[in-house]
Amino acid sequence: MRLPMSEDAPVSLTRHGRIAVLTIERAERMNALSRATLFALGRYGRELGADPEVRAIVITGAGEKAFCAGADLKERQGMSENDVRVQVGLYRTELGPLDKCPKPVVAAINGVAFGGGLELALVCDLRVAAPHALFALPETTLGIIPGAGGTQRLPRIVGEARAKEMILLGRRLDAREALAWGLVNRIAPEGTSVLDDTLAFLQPIADGAPIAQAAALAAIDASFDVTLDQGLALERVFYDETLRSEDRLEALRAFAEKRKPQFAGK
């Protein structure tokens, strides 16, 4: 099912069973992040994060050239310094609901992911790349730095030294290098749509236990901000949430009855 898209909200929503797909519909602008695009992503992030029918969210771009080429530089041309500060602030407020979403958020990277486009992918929990995808944070070559979380999230994913190499040198990675570095989780097979491959990849999540998945995401995310001992204590708290769930009892029944569990998210 495809929901209508208005001109001032250039992101479309489709549903594939329990998986919601957000597509940036600006192929003519390399799916660049305009202000309207950021607001649309924020709105959908809030709505889908609270939707009990949704088990995972996929973000992709229209066409085959670009996932997202970053900021809309045409829109930026008439902005003052303070306007740019406000715009950069929108990356935090409008991508925040996706970053903190209790459902797994996955980037299906169908082409170029540069600048803010790569930072959008870094917000996601998992990343699947098309074989021709390219990745870069070129901001320092333009006299600025990544301003939408790139300096913070990239080192957490690929390590400090590799993050500095990408950012300071403005280095581009192809899909195979990105996989080797741990920047993406998988590459779609040649001749296969990266979105179709991503949906198949996520089937275990669509069929899985949402309470356990949300608890696992929360526990992992918390580990970056606390000591190991504190993280282990938090893990016990999140584990207890799953212990009280009906899904856990359903899993035990299904095991005893030699069938696939039917998780209800309760």
Protein backbone atom coordinates (compact mmCIF):
# COMPACT_ATOMS: atom_id res chain seq x y z
CA MET A 1 0.00 0.00 0.00
CA ARG A 2 1.38 3.39 -1.02
CA LEU A 3 0.29 6.52 0.81
CA PRO A 4 -0.07 9.84 -1.06
CA MET A 5 2.80 12.30 -1.07
CA SER A 6 2.32 16.05 -1.16
CA GLU A 7 4.74 18.51 -2.72
CA ASP A 8 5.77 19.90 0.65
CA ALA A 9 6.52 16.42 2.06
CA PRO A 10 8.72 14.67 -0.53
CA VAL A 11 8.85 11.30 1.25
CA SER A 12 6.51 8.43 0.44
CA LEU A 13 5.43 5.61 2.73
CA THR A 14 4.71 2.06 1.61
CA ARG A 15 3.96 -0.95 3.76
CA HIS A 16 5.23 -4.44 3.05
CA GLY A 17 3.48 -6.51 5.66
CA ARG A 18 4.91 -5.42 9.00
CA ILE A 19 7.76 -3.43 7.44
CA ALA A 20 7.28 0.27 6.61
CA VAL A 21 9.38 1.73 3.78
CA LEU A 22 10.15 5.45 3.58
CA THR A 23 11.39 6.61 0.19
CA ILE A 24 12.91 10.03 -0.42
CA GLU A 25 11.20 11.02 -3.67
CA ARG A 26 13.66 13.60 -5.00
CA ALA A 27 15.56 11.64 -7.62
CA GLU A 28 15.99 14.78 -9.75
CA ARG A 29 17.88 16.35 -6.81
CA MET A 30 19.82 13.16 -5.94
CA ASN A 31 17.37 12.76 -3.02
CA ALA A 32 19.02 15.69 -1.23
CA LEU A 33 17.78 16.63 2.24
CA SER A 34 15.66 19.75 1.96
CA ARG A 35 13.95 21.21 5.00
CA ALA A 36 10.65 19.70 3.90
CA THR A 37 12.33 16.29 3.56
CA LEU A 38 13.69 16.49 7.10
CA PHE A 39 10.29 17.42 8.50
CA ALA A 40 8.68 14.54 6.59
CA LEU A 41 11.22 12.03 7.92
CA GLY A 42 10.64 13.35 11.44
CA ARG A 43 6.88 13.08 11.16
CA TYR A 44 6.99 9.55 9.80
CA GLY A 45 9.60 8.53 12.37
CA ARG A 46 7.32 9.61 15.21
CA GLU A 47 4.21 8.00 13.71
CA LEU A 48 5.80 4.68 12.77
CA GLY A 49 7.71 4.39 16.02
CA ALA A 50 4.37 4.42 17.85
CA ASP A 51 2.55 2.12 15.40
CA PRO A 52 2.12 -1.37 16.93
CA GLU A 53 1.62 -2.89 13.48
CA VAL A 54 5.13 -1.86 12.37
CA ARG A 55 8.03 -4.16 13.24
CA ALA A 56 10.79 -2.39 11.23
CA ILE A 57 11.35 0.75 9.16
CA VAL A 58 13.38 0.91 5.94
CA ILE A 59 14.70 4.17 4.49
CA THR A 60 15.72 4.37 0.84
CA GLY A 61 15.92 6.81 -2.06
CA ALA A 62 14.06 7.02 -5.36
CA GLY A 63 15.86 5.89 -8.49
CA GLU A 64 19.14 4.01 -8.80
CA LYS A 65 21.70 6.83 -8.60
CA ALA A 66 21.42 8.14 -5.05
CA PHE A 67 20.27 7.07 -1.63
CA CYS A 68 20.83 10.67 -0.56
CA ALA A 69 23.53 13.08 -1.73
CA GLY A 70 23.37 15.14 1.46
CA ALA A 71 22.15 18.66 2.06
CA ASP A 72 20.18 20.43 -0.65
CA LEU A 73 22.84 22.96 -1.66
CA LYS A 74 20.44 24.82 -3.94
CA GLU A 75 18.20 25.47 -0.94
CA ARG A 76 21.22 26.51 1.13
CA GLN A 77 22.38 29.19 -1.32
CA GLY A 78 20.12 31.90 0.08
CA MET A 79 20.61 31.01 3.74
CA SER A 80 22.40 33.16 6.30
CA GLU A 81 24.81 31.64 8.82
CA ASN A 82 22.03 31.51 11.39
CA ASP A 83 19.65 29.90 8.88
CA VAL A 84 22.23 27.16 8.34
CA ARG A 85 22.53 26.65 12.11
CA VAL A 86 18.77 26.21 12.31
CA GLN A 87 18.85 23.79 9.38
CA VAL A 88 21.61 21.70 10.96
CA GLY A 89 19.58 21.63 14.17
CA LEU A 90 16.75 19.98 12.24
CA TYR A 91 18.97 16.97 11.60
CA ARG A 92 18.94 16.31 15.33
CA THR A 93 15.28 17.07 16.02
CA GLU A 94 13.82 15.42 12.91
CA LEU A 95 16.15 12.44 12.56
CA GLY A 96 16.12 11.92 16.33
CA PRO A 97 12.85 9.93 16.26
CA LEU A 98 14.46 7.48 13.82
CA ASP A 99 17.66 7.35 15.88
CA LYS A 100 15.74 6.58 19.08
CA CYS A 101 13.04 4.48 17.45
CA PRO A 102 12.10 1.33 19.41
CA LYS A 103 11.77 -0.52 16.07
CA PRO A 104 14.83 -1.48 14.00
CA VAL A 105 15.53 1.17 11.34
CA VAL A 106 17.42 0.02 8.25
CA ALA A 107 18.95 1.93 5.34
CA ALA A 108 18.55 0.37 1.89
CA ILE A 109 21.32 2.30 0.18
CA ASN A 110 20.51 2.32 -3.52
CA GLY A 111 23.35 4.58 -4.68
CA VAL A 112 25.38 7.56 -3.51
CA ALA A 113 25.34 8.24 0.25
CA PHE A 114 27.37 11.42 0.71
CA GLY A 115 27.50 13.97 3.52
CA GLY A 116 24.16 14.24 5.27
CA GLY A 117 22.99 11.24 3.25
CA LEU A 118 25.61 9.03 4.87
CA GLU A 119 24.77 10.61 8.22
CA LEU A 120 21.14 9.61 7.64
CA ALA A 121 22.31 6.03 7.01
CA LEU A 122 24.42 6.17 10.19
CA VAL A 123 21.27 6.99 12.18
CA CYS A 124 19.93 3.58 11.14
CA ASP A 125 20.57 0.37 13.05
CA LEU A 126 21.53 -1.65 9.97
CA ARG A 127 22.64 -0.80 6.44
CA VAL A 128 22.25 -2.77 3.19
CA ALA A 129 24.03 -1.48 0.09
CA ALA A 130 23.54 -1.87 -3.63
CA PRO A 131 26.74 -3.10 -5.36
CA HIS A 132 27.24 0.33 -6.98
CA ALA A 133 26.73 2.36 -3.78
CA LEU A 134 29.34 4.94 -2.77
CA PHE A 135 29.97 6.43 0.66
CA ALA A 136 31.70 9.65 1.76
CA LEU A 137 31.75 12.48 4.27
CA PRO A 138 33.40 15.19 2.15
CA GLU A 139 32.61 18.15 4.41
CA THR A 140 36.20 19.02 5.39
CA THR A 141 37.06 19.43 1.70
CA LEU A 142 34.33 22.11 1.63
CA GLY A 143 35.61 23.96 4.70
CA ILE A 144 33.16 22.52 7.23
CA ILE A 145 32.74 19.30 9.23
CA PRO A 146 29.95 16.70 9.26
CA GLY A 147 27.24 18.42 11.27
CA ALA A 148 24.50 15.79 11.49
CA GLY A 149 26.23 13.31 13.77
CA GLY A 150 28.91 12.02 11.40
CA THR A 151 31.84 12.77 13.71
CA GLN A 152 30.10 10.90 16.53
CA ARG A 153 28.37 7.95 14.88
CA LEU A 154 30.97 6.98 12.28
CA PRO A 155 33.75 6.25 14.85
CA ARG A 156 31.32 4.10 16.83
CA ILE A 157 30.68 1.98 13.75
CA VAL A 158 34.03 1.76 11.92
CA GLY A 159 36.47 2.80 14.67
CA GLU A 160 38.36 6.01 15.34
CA ALA A 161 41.21 5.62 12.84
CA ARG A 162 39.02 4.73 9.88
CA ALA A 163 36.53 7.47 10.73
CA LYS A 164 39.34 10.03 10.77
CA GLU A 165 40.57 8.71 7.43
CA MET A 166 37.16 9.15 5.83
CA ILE A 167 36.51 12.57 7.36
CA LEU A 168 39.94 14.20 7.16
CA LEU A 169 40.77 12.91 3.67
CA GLY A 170 37.23 13.13 2.33
CA ARG A 171 37.76 9.55 1.21
CA ARG A 172 35.13 7.69 -0.76
CA LEU A 173 34.37 4.03 -0.16
CA ASP A 174 32.72 1.66 -2.59
CA ALA A 175 30.31 -0.99 -1.37
CA ARG A 176 32.94 -3.71 -0.93
CA GLU A 177 35.20 -1.43 1.12
CA ALA A 178 32.21 -0.32 3.17
CA LEU A 179 31.38 -3.96 3.92
CA ALA A 180 34.99 -4.75 4.86
CA TRP A 181 35.07 -1.73 7.18
CA GLY A 182 31.79 -2.71 8.86
CA LEU A 183 30.03 0.40 7.57
CA VAL A 184 27.35 -1.76 5.92
CA ASN A 185 26.00 -5.13 6.99
CA ARG A 186 25.54 -6.66 3.57
CA ILE A 187 25.63 -6.00 -0.17
CA ALA A 188 22.62 -6.94 -2.27
CA PRO A 189 23.42 -9.50 -4.99
CA GLU A 190 24.01 -8.17 -8.50
CA GLY A 191 20.75 -7.87 -10.41
CA THR A 192 18.65 -7.79 -7.23
CA SER A 193 16.86 -4.67 -6.03
CA VAL A 194 18.49 -3.46 -2.83
CA LEU A 195 15.03 -2.81 -1.39
CA ASP A 196 13.85 -6.35 -2.19
CA ASP A 197 17.04 -7.75 -0.69
CA THR A 198 16.59 -5.61 2.42
CA LEU A 199 13.00 -6.75 2.90
CA ALA A 200 14.09 -10.40 2.64
CA PHE A 201 16.98 -9.73 5.03
CA LEU A 202 14.55 -8.28 7.58
CA GLN A 203 12.05 -11.12 7.52
CA PRO A 204 13.32 -12.56 10.83
CA ILE A 205 12.63 -9.16 12.41
CA ALA A 206 9.17 -8.94 10.84
CA ASP A 207 8.38 -12.39 12.27
CA GLY A 208 10.20 -11.79 15.56
CA ALA A 209 9.31 -10.65 19.07
CA PRO A 210 9.01 -6.84 19.08
CA ILE A 211 9.29 -6.44 22.84
CA ALA A 212 12.56 -8.37 22.86
CA GLN A 213 13.83 -6.45 19.83
CA ALA A 214 13.06 -3.08 21.41
CA ALA A 215 14.69 -4.15 24.67
CA ALA A 216 17.80 -5.34 22.83
CA LEU A 217 18.07 -2.06 20.90
CA ALA A 218 17.70 -0.03 24.08
CA ALA A 219 20.32 -2.09 25.92
CA ILE A 220 22.82 -1.82 23.06
CA ASP A 221 22.29 1.92 22.64
CA ALA A 222 22.73 2.48 26.37
CA SER A 223 26.09 0.70 26.33
CA PHE A 224 27.76 3.62 24.54
CA ASP A 225 27.05 6.05 27.37
CA VAL A 226 27.91 4.05 30.50
CA THR A 227 30.60 1.84 32.01
CA LEU A 228 30.51 -1.92 31.50
CA ASP A 229 29.16 -2.51 35.02
CA GLN A 230 26.41 0.04 34.49
CA GLY A 231 25.63 -1.46 31.10
CA LEU A 232 25.31 -4.92 32.59
CA ALA A 233 22.93 -3.55 35.22
CA LEU A 234 20.82 -1.92 32.51
CA GLU A 235 20.84 -5.16 30.54
CA ARG A 236 19.17 -6.88 33.51
CA VAL A 237 16.46 -4.20 33.54
CA PHE A 238 15.74 -4.62 29.84
CA TYR A 239 15.86 -8.41 30.15
CA ASP A 240 13.23 -8.25 32.88
CA GLU A 241 10.89 -6.48 30.46
CA THR A 242 11.07 -9.46 28.12
CA LEU A 243 10.68 -11.90 31.01
CA ARG A 244 7.25 -10.47 31.79
CA SER A 245 6.03 -10.59 28.19
CA GLU A 246 3.48 -12.96 26.69
CA ASP A 247 5.83 -13.33 23.71
CA ARG A 248 8.33 -15.20 25.90
CA LEU A 249 5.66 -17.70 26.95
CA GLU A 250 4.58 -18.09 23.32
CA ALA A 251 8.18 -18.89 22.36
CA LEU A 252 8.32 -21.62 25.01
CA ARG A 253 5.00 -23.09 23.86
CA ALA A 254 6.10 -23.04 20.23
CA PHE A 255 9.35 -24.81 21.10
CA ALA A 256 7.48 -27.53 22.99
CA GLU A 257 4.96 -27.92 20.17
CA LYS A 258 7.66 -27.88 17.45
CA ARG A 259 6.14 -24.94 15.55
CA LYS A 260 7.06 -21.39 14.60
CA PRO A 261 6.12 -18.86 17.31
CA GLN A 262 3.47 -16.23 16.58
CA PHE A 263 4.58 -13.11 18.39
CA ALA A 264 1.95 -10.50 19.24
CA GLY A 265 4.13 -7.84 20.80
CA LYS A 266 2.57 -8.24 24.24
